[in-house]
Amino acid sequence: MSFSNALPASSPAGATPDGKEGAMPPGTGRSGPDSAIQDPAIPAPATMAPALRARRLMRACDRAALATAQRPADDGAAAEAAGWPYPSLVLVAFDHDGSPLLLLSTLADHTRNLLADGRVGLLFDGTAGLAQPLTGARLSVLGRAERSDDPIHRERYLRRHPDAAFYAGFADFAIYRVTVERAHLVAGFGRIHWLSAAELDLPATAPALAAGEAALLDRLNGAGYGPLLGPAPDGEGAGDGESWSLTGVDPEGCDLRRGGYVARVDFEQRIHDPESAKLMLDTLIRPQDGSGQPGGSTSGTEKAGTETAGDEGA
């Protein structure tokens, strides 16, 4: 198993969740994603297959930079910008098959852009916390975004981003699913890979897992699995009284949240139904005395960032 360390998720702009500049999440250090303690049986990031590393980096992120093609101006105010790349910040969740899910407002420029041209780019950044960010991993995903009214997509997004429930019901908001067509992984200097959708090897849909996910999460959280899977709360913010809870289980791992932090536990083999997910998690939980890390090894991704109420789009 591989474990992605806690990422600050819901801090105000320019600050970490406790309001301290430069504060780090519990159970993590400042050395970045390639420095974690590694079980010899688990591939180190530098030797991990590019597709696997790309999928793990993407799923560990709860936000991304979204690039859309600026549409022809409908009010004459931005006529000269038509056709230019338009970057913005979005929060992201994932379908069970790894397709990115976005909650967007039609009032935002990026949503109007993709409604005119569904081609989008998403940048997932795994470089935060590194003294030399260009040695870290980042993934650019190219795909096409379409509105989704599938309730499972909405549920997955809102479990990953519970604060979004305050505005997700507004008439201008909807979930958009990105069908991945290509990905570009930069895993550090000289480790650069273009991956087709087939080469990225996203998992097939898992209907049984999707149908049983909500009940499984209720069962696991009720049994206290979150604190046993999440990073040990021995760092900044350890005494805030909150504990880890699971927010999603997919064929390749599970997502957790503790207040303003999110974390990811990666499975070493894919699962396809609630029963196999439960069995997998039973092998990964931390000892009951709280010692050690889940599965005996960690691979961290640390990232500063912000989460704001509502779609960015400005």
Protein backbone atom coordinates (compact mmCIF):
# COMPACT_ATOMS: atom_id res chain seq x y z
CA MET A 1 0.00 0.00 0.00
CA SER A 2 1.02 3.56 -0.62
CA PHE A 3 -0.22 6.44 1.47
CA SER A 4 -0.49 10.07 0.35
CA ASN A 5 0.03 12.35 3.31
CA ALA A 6 -2.42 15.00 4.39
CA LEU A 7 -3.02 17.96 2.13
CA PRO A 8 -4.44 21.25 3.43
CA ALA A 9 -7.88 21.56 1.89
CA SER A 10 -10.13 24.23 3.33
CA SER A 11 -7.83 27.03 4.42
CA PRO A 12 -8.48 30.69 3.64
CA ALA A 13 -6.41 32.23 0.87
CA GLY A 14 -2.73 32.50 1.71
CA ALA A 15 -2.94 30.50 4.93
CA THR A 16 -3.06 26.95 6.19
CA PRO A 17 -6.14 25.72 8.10
CA ASP A 18 -4.90 26.94 11.48
CA GLY A 19 -4.12 30.37 10.03
CA LYS A 20 -0.36 30.05 10.44
CA GLU A 21 1.82 30.81 7.44
CA GLY A 22 3.85 27.76 6.50
CA ALA A 23 2.14 25.40 8.96
CA MET A 24 2.23 21.80 7.81
CA PRO A 25 -0.46 19.14 8.11
CA PRO A 26 -0.38 16.54 10.86
CA GLY A 27 1.89 13.57 10.37
CA THR A 28 3.94 15.19 7.59
CA GLY A 29 7.27 16.90 7.20
CA ARG A 30 8.67 19.42 4.75
CA SER A 31 10.69 17.09 2.58
CA GLY A 32 8.02 16.48 -0.05
CA PRO A 33 6.58 13.58 -2.02
CA ASP A 34 9.77 11.73 -2.95
CA SER A 35 11.16 11.53 0.56
CA ALA A 36 8.73 9.31 2.43
CA ILE A 37 9.63 6.14 4.29
CA GLN A 38 9.17 3.36 1.76
CA ASP A 39 8.58 -0.34 2.17
CA PRO A 40 11.10 -2.19 -0.07
CA ALA A 41 8.24 -4.20 -1.56
CA ILE A 42 6.51 -1.02 -2.79
CA PRO A 43 7.93 0.85 -5.80
CA ALA A 44 9.56 4.18 -4.91
CA PRO A 45 8.16 7.19 -6.79
CA ALA A 46 11.28 7.44 -8.98
CA THR A 47 10.88 3.84 -10.21
CA MET A 48 7.08 3.59 -10.20
CA ALA A 49 5.49 2.97 -13.60
CA PRO A 50 4.50 6.31 -15.16
CA ALA A 51 0.81 5.40 -15.50
CA LEU A 52 0.56 4.30 -11.88
CA ARG A 53 2.33 7.40 -10.64
CA ALA A 54 0.12 9.61 -12.80
CA ARG A 55 -3.09 8.03 -11.49
CA ARG A 56 -1.96 8.25 -7.87
CA LEU A 57 -0.87 11.86 -8.19
CA MET A 58 -4.17 12.83 -9.81
CA ARG A 59 -6.40 11.07 -7.29
CA ALA A 60 -4.47 12.52 -4.33
CA CYS A 61 -5.29 16.09 -5.42
CA ASP A 62 -8.45 17.85 -4.33
CA ARG A 63 -7.92 20.86 -6.61
CA ALA A 64 -6.46 21.62 -10.02
CA ALA A 65 -5.73 24.44 -12.42
CA LEU A 66 -8.34 24.34 -15.18
CA ALA A 67 -7.51 25.64 -18.67
CA THR A 68 -10.29 26.43 -21.12
CA ALA A 69 -10.32 28.21 -24.47
CA GLN A 70 -11.66 31.73 -24.03
CA ARG A 71 -14.92 31.92 -25.97
CA PRO A 72 -15.77 34.79 -28.32
CA ALA A 73 -16.96 37.64 -26.14
CA ASP A 74 -20.71 37.79 -25.75
CA ASP A 75 -20.68 41.33 -24.35
CA GLY A 76 -17.82 42.89 -26.30
CA ALA A 77 -15.74 43.31 -23.14
CA ALA A 78 -13.11 40.68 -23.94
CA ALA A 79 -13.12 40.47 -27.72
CA GLU A 80 -9.34 40.50 -27.91
CA ALA A 81 -9.09 37.52 -25.52
CA ALA A 82 -11.11 35.13 -27.71
CA GLY A 83 -9.20 31.91 -28.36
CA TRP A 84 -6.63 32.48 -25.63
CA PRO A 85 -6.05 29.87 -22.89
CA TYR A 86 -7.99 30.84 -19.77
CA PRO A 87 -6.63 29.38 -16.49
CA SER A 88 -8.63 29.14 -13.26
CA LEU A 89 -8.69 27.21 -9.98
CA VAL A 90 -11.24 24.45 -9.41
CA LEU A 91 -11.90 21.86 -6.74
CA VAL A 92 -11.93 18.31 -8.02
CA ALA A 93 -13.23 14.88 -7.10
CA PHE A 94 -13.11 11.69 -9.18
CA ASP A 95 -15.51 9.13 -10.55
CA HIS A 96 -14.81 5.51 -9.67
CA ASP A 97 -13.09 5.11 -13.05
CA GLY A 98 -10.76 8.05 -12.36
CA SER A 99 -12.56 10.65 -14.48
CA PRO A 100 -12.25 14.11 -12.86
CA LEU A 101 -15.48 15.63 -11.51
CA LEU A 102 -15.95 19.40 -11.25
CA LEU A 103 -18.73 21.46 -9.68
CA LEU A 104 -19.08 24.56 -11.85
CA SER A 105 -21.36 27.54 -12.15
CA THR A 106 -22.64 28.83 -15.47
CA LEU A 107 -21.87 32.31 -14.15
CA ALA A 108 -18.15 31.51 -14.29
CA ASP A 109 -16.11 32.27 -17.39
CA HIS A 110 -14.51 28.83 -17.47
CA THR A 111 -17.94 27.15 -17.55
CA ARG A 112 -19.13 29.38 -20.38
CA ASN A 113 -15.89 28.59 -22.20
CA LEU A 114 -16.26 24.81 -21.94
CA LEU A 115 -19.91 24.97 -22.95
CA ALA A 116 -18.69 26.56 -26.19
CA ASP A 117 -15.70 24.22 -26.52
CA GLY A 118 -15.62 21.16 -24.26
CA ARG A 119 -11.85 20.64 -24.54
CA VAL A 120 -10.16 21.30 -21.21
CA GLY A 121 -6.82 20.90 -19.51
CA LEU A 122 -6.28 20.13 -15.83
CA LEU A 123 -2.96 20.55 -14.02
CA PHE A 124 -2.48 18.43 -10.89
CA ASP A 125 0.45 19.72 -8.83
CA GLY A 126 2.46 17.44 -6.56
CA THR A 127 5.39 19.81 -5.99
CA ALA A 128 4.39 21.77 -2.89
CA GLY A 129 6.70 21.41 0.10
CA LEU A 130 9.76 20.78 -2.05
CA ALA A 131 12.81 23.03 -1.77
CA GLN A 132 13.19 22.57 -5.55
CA PRO A 133 9.65 22.31 -6.92
CA LEU A 134 10.77 21.44 -10.46
CA THR A 135 12.11 18.13 -9.15
CA GLY A 136 8.59 17.13 -8.10
CA ALA A 137 5.78 15.51 -10.05
CA ARG A 138 2.96 17.23 -11.90
CA LEU A 139 0.38 15.92 -14.31
CA SER A 140 -1.41 17.70 -17.14
CA VAL A 141 -4.62 16.00 -18.24
CA LEU A 142 -6.35 16.75 -21.55
CA GLY A 143 -9.97 15.80 -21.99
CA ARG A 144 -13.50 16.85 -22.74
CA ALA A 145 -15.94 18.10 -20.11
CA GLU A 146 -19.65 17.39 -20.21
CA ARG A 147 -22.38 18.06 -17.71
CA SER A 148 -23.41 15.05 -15.64
CA ASP A 149 -26.69 14.61 -13.82
CA ASP A 150 -25.68 11.23 -12.41
CA PRO A 151 -26.47 11.37 -8.68
CA ILE A 152 -23.44 9.18 -7.88
CA HIS A 153 -21.14 11.82 -9.36
CA ARG A 154 -22.78 14.51 -7.27
CA GLU A 155 -22.59 12.41 -4.11
CA ARG A 156 -18.91 11.60 -4.66
CA TYR A 157 -18.09 15.28 -5.16
CA LEU A 158 -19.98 16.46 -2.09
CA ARG A 159 -18.43 13.82 0.15
CA ARG A 160 -14.96 14.98 -1.00
CA HIS A 161 -15.93 18.65 -0.59
CA PRO A 162 -18.67 18.84 2.06
CA ASP A 163 -18.59 22.65 2.23
CA ALA A 164 -19.78 22.72 -1.39
CA ALA A 165 -23.20 21.57 -0.19
CA PHE A 166 -23.92 25.19 0.78
CA TYR A 167 -24.02 26.28 -2.86
CA ALA A 168 -24.28 23.08 -4.92
CA GLY A 169 -28.07 23.37 -4.94
CA PHE A 170 -28.09 26.76 -6.64
CA ALA A 171 -29.65 26.62 -10.10
CA ASP A 172 -26.46 27.74 -11.87
CA PHE A 173 -24.29 24.91 -10.45
CA ALA A 174 -23.86 21.46 -11.96
CA ILE A 175 -21.37 18.59 -11.98
CA TYR A 176 -19.15 18.24 -15.04
CA ARG A 177 -17.30 15.01 -15.80
CA VAL A 178 -14.03 15.13 -17.75
CA THR A 179 -13.38 12.23 -20.12
CA VAL A 180 -9.59 11.88 -20.17
CA GLU A 181 -8.00 11.59 -23.62
CA ARG A 182 -4.30 12.15 -22.91
CA ALA A 183 -2.03 12.94 -19.97
CA HIS A 184 1.45 14.45 -19.67
CA LEU A 185 3.44 13.43 -16.61
CA VAL A 186 6.53 15.32 -15.54
CA ALA A 187 7.93 13.23 -12.70
CA GLY A 188 11.09 15.32 -12.28
CA PHE A 189 14.03 16.35 -14.42
CA GLY A 190 14.25 14.08 -17.46
CA ARG A 191 11.31 11.88 -16.43
CA ILE A 192 8.65 13.04 -18.88
CA HIS A 193 5.92 10.86 -20.35
CA TRP A 194 2.99 11.39 -22.70
CA LEU A 195 0.26 8.85 -21.93
CA SER A 196 -2.78 8.06 -24.04
CA ALA A 197 -6.03 7.24 -22.27
CA ALA A 198 -5.30 3.55 -22.87
CA GLU A 199 -1.76 3.86 -21.51
CA LEU A 200 -2.99 5.73 -18.44
CA ASP A 201 -4.94 2.55 -17.66
CA LEU A 202 -7.78 4.08 -15.70
CA PRO A 203 -9.89 1.37 -14.03
CA ALA A 204 -13.12 0.11 -15.48
CA THR A 205 -16.33 1.22 -13.87
CA ALA A 206 -17.29 -0.78 -10.78
CA PRO A 207 -21.10 -0.79 -10.59
CA ALA A 208 -21.28 -2.87 -7.40
CA LEU A 209 -18.85 -0.59 -5.58
CA ALA A 210 -20.62 2.54 -6.80
CA ALA A 211 -24.00 1.22 -5.67
CA GLY A 212 -22.72 0.16 -2.24
CA GLU A 213 -20.23 2.95 -1.54
CA ALA A 214 -22.45 5.14 0.65
CA ALA A 215 -23.46 2.25 2.90
CA LEU A 216 -19.86 1.04 3.06
CA LEU A 217 -18.62 4.47 4.13
CA ASP A 218 -21.27 4.69 6.84
CA ARG A 219 -20.21 1.26 8.09
CA LEU A 220 -16.48 2.04 8.04
CA ASN A 221 -16.80 5.46 9.64
CA GLY A 222 -19.15 4.05 12.27
CA ALA A 223 -16.51 1.46 13.10
CA GLY A 224 -13.78 4.11 13.41
CA TYR A 225 -11.69 3.17 10.37
CA GLY A 226 -10.79 6.79 9.56
CA PRO A 227 -8.36 7.42 12.45
CA LEU A 228 -6.77 4.01 11.84
CA LEU A 229 -6.12 4.77 8.16
CA GLY A 230 -5.22 8.46 8.29
CA PRO A 231 -1.83 9.94 9.21
CA ALA A 232 -1.05 9.87 12.91
CA PRO A 233 -2.08 13.30 14.29
CA ASP A 234 1.32 14.11 15.78
CA GLY A 235 2.04 17.38 14.02
CA GLU A 236 0.55 20.84 13.59
CA GLY A 237 -3.10 20.89 14.61
CA ALA A 238 -2.96 17.49 16.31
CA GLY A 239 -5.00 18.68 19.26
CA ASP A 240 -7.90 20.21 17.37
CA GLY A 241 -10.29 17.46 18.44
CA GLU A 242 -11.18 16.32 14.91
CA SER A 243 -10.47 12.86 13.54
CA TRP A 244 -10.10 11.38 10.08
CA SER A 245 -13.16 10.07 8.26
CA LEU A 246 -13.47 8.27 4.93
CA THR A 247 -15.11 10.26 2.15
CA GLY A 248 -14.77 7.83 -0.76
CA VAL A 249 -13.69 4.35 -1.81
CA ASP A 250 -12.80 3.57 -5.43
CA PRO A 251 -11.12 0.64 -7.18
CA GLU A 252 -7.64 2.05 -6.48
CA GLY A 253 -7.87 3.43 -2.95
CA CYS A 254 -9.80 5.56 -0.51
CA ASP A 255 -10.03 9.26 0.35
CA LEU A 256 -10.09 10.74 3.85
CA ARG A 257 -10.74 14.12 5.42
CA ARG A 258 -9.90 15.62 8.80
CA GLY A 259 -11.22 19.15 9.09
CA GLY A 260 -9.19 21.20 6.64
CA TYR A 261 -6.97 18.33 5.48
CA VAL A 262 -7.47 15.53 2.98
CA ALA A 263 -5.46 12.33 2.56
CA ARG A 264 -5.34 9.39 0.20
CA VAL A 265 -4.64 5.69 0.80
CA ASP A 266 -3.66 3.81 -2.37
CA PHE A 267 -4.38 0.11 -2.75
CA GLU A 268 -1.73 -2.19 -4.17
CA GLN A 269 -4.36 -4.02 -6.24
CA ARG A 270 -7.73 -2.98 -7.62
CA ILE A 271 -11.00 -3.89 -5.95
CA HIS A 272 -14.47 -3.87 -7.49
CA ASP A 273 -17.13 -4.29 -4.78
CA PRO A 274 -17.77 -3.28 -1.15
CA GLU A 275 -16.79 -6.67 0.24
CA SER A 276 -13.34 -6.69 -1.35
CA ALA A 277 -12.87 -3.04 -0.33
CA LYS A 278 -13.60 -3.93 3.30
CA LEU A 279 -11.18 -6.85 3.19
CA MET A 280 -8.48 -4.64 1.67
CA LEU A 281 -8.93 -1.94 4.30
CA ASP A 282 -8.83 -4.51 7.09
CA THR A 283 -5.28 -5.35 6.02
CA LEU A 284 -4.20 -1.71 6.01
CA ILE A 285 -5.46 -0.21 9.25
CA ARG A 286 -2.97 1.04 11.81
CA PRO A 287 -2.52 -1.07 14.96
CA GLN A 288 -5.12 -0.28 17.61
CA ASP A 289 -2.47 1.31 19.85
CA GLY A 290 -2.00 4.03 17.22
CA SER A 291 1.62 3.16 16.52
CA GLY A 292 3.10 3.19 13.05
CA GLN A 293 1.61 4.21 9.74
CA PRO A 294 -1.09 2.37 7.82
CA GLY A 295 0.40 -0.62 6.02
CA GLY A 296 3.85 0.19 7.42
CA SER A 297 4.85 2.70 4.74
CA THR A 298 3.99 6.13 3.48
CA SER A 299 4.50 8.10 0.30
CA GLY A 300 3.60 11.71 0.79
CA THR A 301 2.34 14.51 -1.37
CA GLU A 302 2.23 17.87 0.39
CA LYS A 303 0.49 20.80 -1.13
CA ALA A 304 -0.51 24.27 0.05
CA GLY A 305 -3.71 25.69 -1.32
CA THR A 306 -7.10 27.16 -0.70
CA GLU A 307 -10.72 26.13 -0.81
CA THR A 308 -13.30 28.86 -1.17
CA ALA A 309 -17.07 28.84 -0.99
CA GLY A 310 -18.31 28.73 -4.52
CA ASP A 311 -16.87 28.31 -7.98
CA GLU A 312 -13.76 30.41 -8.70
CA GLY A 313 -14.19 31.49 -12.29
CA ALA A 314 -12.93 35.06 -11.93
